[in-house]
Amino acid sequence: MTTQQEFLREAATTLGLTQKGLAERMGAPWPTFEKWLHPKESPNSREMPQIAWTLVREIIAHEKLKARRAAEARS
């Protein structure tokens, strides 16, 4: 199972964004996003709500669809 920290780091990489950029794209305040990145055992850690997981998946799916449509338009 992927941890939320791994999920967020992989999502930022996939989207070509910094972690701060992903936070902005999600509309999440940076301090909140930072807490999501802390290890679960950290006292500063905060569990990411399910809606945030869904939002990130939707952002990735949207970007993949845009890329596919752009490629189709070029061919």
Protein backbone atom coordinates (compact mmCIF):
# COMPACT_ATOMS: atom_id res chain seq x y z
CA MET A 1 0.00 0.00 0.00
CA THR A 2 1.28 3.43 -0.92
CA THR A 3 1.67 5.91 1.91
CA GLN A 4 0.19 9.36 1.45
CA GLN A 5 3.71 10.76 1.48
CA GLU A 6 4.77 8.48 -1.41
CA PHE A 7 1.52 9.21 -3.23
CA LEU A 8 2.02 12.98 -3.05
CA ARG A 9 5.69 12.83 -4.04
CA GLU A 10 4.93 10.53 -7.00
CA ALA A 11 2.00 12.72 -8.06
CA ALA A 12 4.15 15.85 -8.06
CA THR A 13 6.80 14.07 -10.13
CA THR A 14 4.22 12.67 -12.56
CA LEU A 15 2.74 16.13 -13.06
CA GLY A 16 6.13 17.83 -13.34
CA LEU A 17 5.36 20.01 -10.34
CA THR A 18 7.17 20.85 -7.16
CA GLN A 19 5.46 19.82 -3.96
CA LYS A 20 4.47 23.45 -3.46
CA GLY A 21 3.13 23.51 -7.01
CA LEU A 22 0.99 20.44 -6.35
CA ALA A 23 -0.34 22.01 -3.17
CA GLU A 24 -1.32 25.11 -5.15
CA ARG A 25 -2.92 23.03 -7.90
CA MET A 26 -4.98 21.23 -5.24
CA GLY A 27 -5.90 24.49 -3.53
CA ALA A 28 -4.35 23.18 -0.31
CA PRO A 29 -2.56 25.59 2.01
CA TRP A 30 1.17 24.83 2.09
CA PRO A 31 1.26 24.29 5.89
CA THR A 32 -1.47 21.66 5.56
CA PHE A 33 0.25 19.98 2.61
CA GLU A 34 3.51 19.92 4.58
CA LYS A 35 1.74 18.07 7.40
CA TRP A 36 0.54 15.48 4.89
CA LEU A 37 4.19 14.93 3.89
CA HIS A 38 5.39 14.22 7.43
CA PRO A 39 5.82 10.54 8.36
CA LYS A 40 2.80 9.05 10.13
CA GLU A 41 4.76 8.69 13.38
CA SER A 42 5.64 12.40 13.42
CA PRO A 43 3.71 14.58 15.86
CA ASN A 44 3.31 17.08 13.01
CA SER A 45 1.71 14.51 10.70
CA ARG A 46 -1.86 14.89 9.55
CA GLU A 47 -3.93 12.34 7.66
CA MET A 48 -4.95 13.48 4.22
CA PRO A 49 -8.73 13.40 3.68
CA GLN A 50 -10.07 10.94 1.10
CA ILE A 51 -11.30 13.81 -1.08
CA ALA A 52 -7.70 15.02 -1.46
CA TRP A 53 -6.62 11.55 -2.70
CA THR A 54 -9.48 11.65 -5.21
CA LEU A 55 -8.63 15.18 -6.32
CA VAL A 56 -5.00 14.28 -7.02
CA ARG A 57 -6.08 11.20 -9.02
CA GLU A 58 -8.49 13.39 -11.02
CA ILE A 59 -5.77 15.98 -11.72
CA ILE A 60 -3.44 13.24 -13.00
CA ALA A 61 -6.18 11.69 -15.16
CA HIS A 62 -7.04 15.13 -16.58
CA GLU A 63 -3.42 15.86 -17.49
CA LYS A 64 -3.04 12.44 -19.17
CA LEU A 65 -6.21 13.05 -21.18
CA LYS A 66 -4.97 16.51 -22.24
CA ALA A 67 -1.65 15.03 -23.35
CA ARG A 68 -3.38 12.26 -25.31
CA ARG A 69 -5.69 14.74 -27.06
CA ALA A 70 -2.77 17.00 -27.90
CA ALA A 71 -0.89 14.05 -29.41
CA GLU A 72 -3.93 13.04 -31.45
CA ALA A 73 -4.33 16.59 -32.72
CA ARG A 74 -0.72 16.61 -33.93
CA SER A 75 -1.11 13.37 -35.88
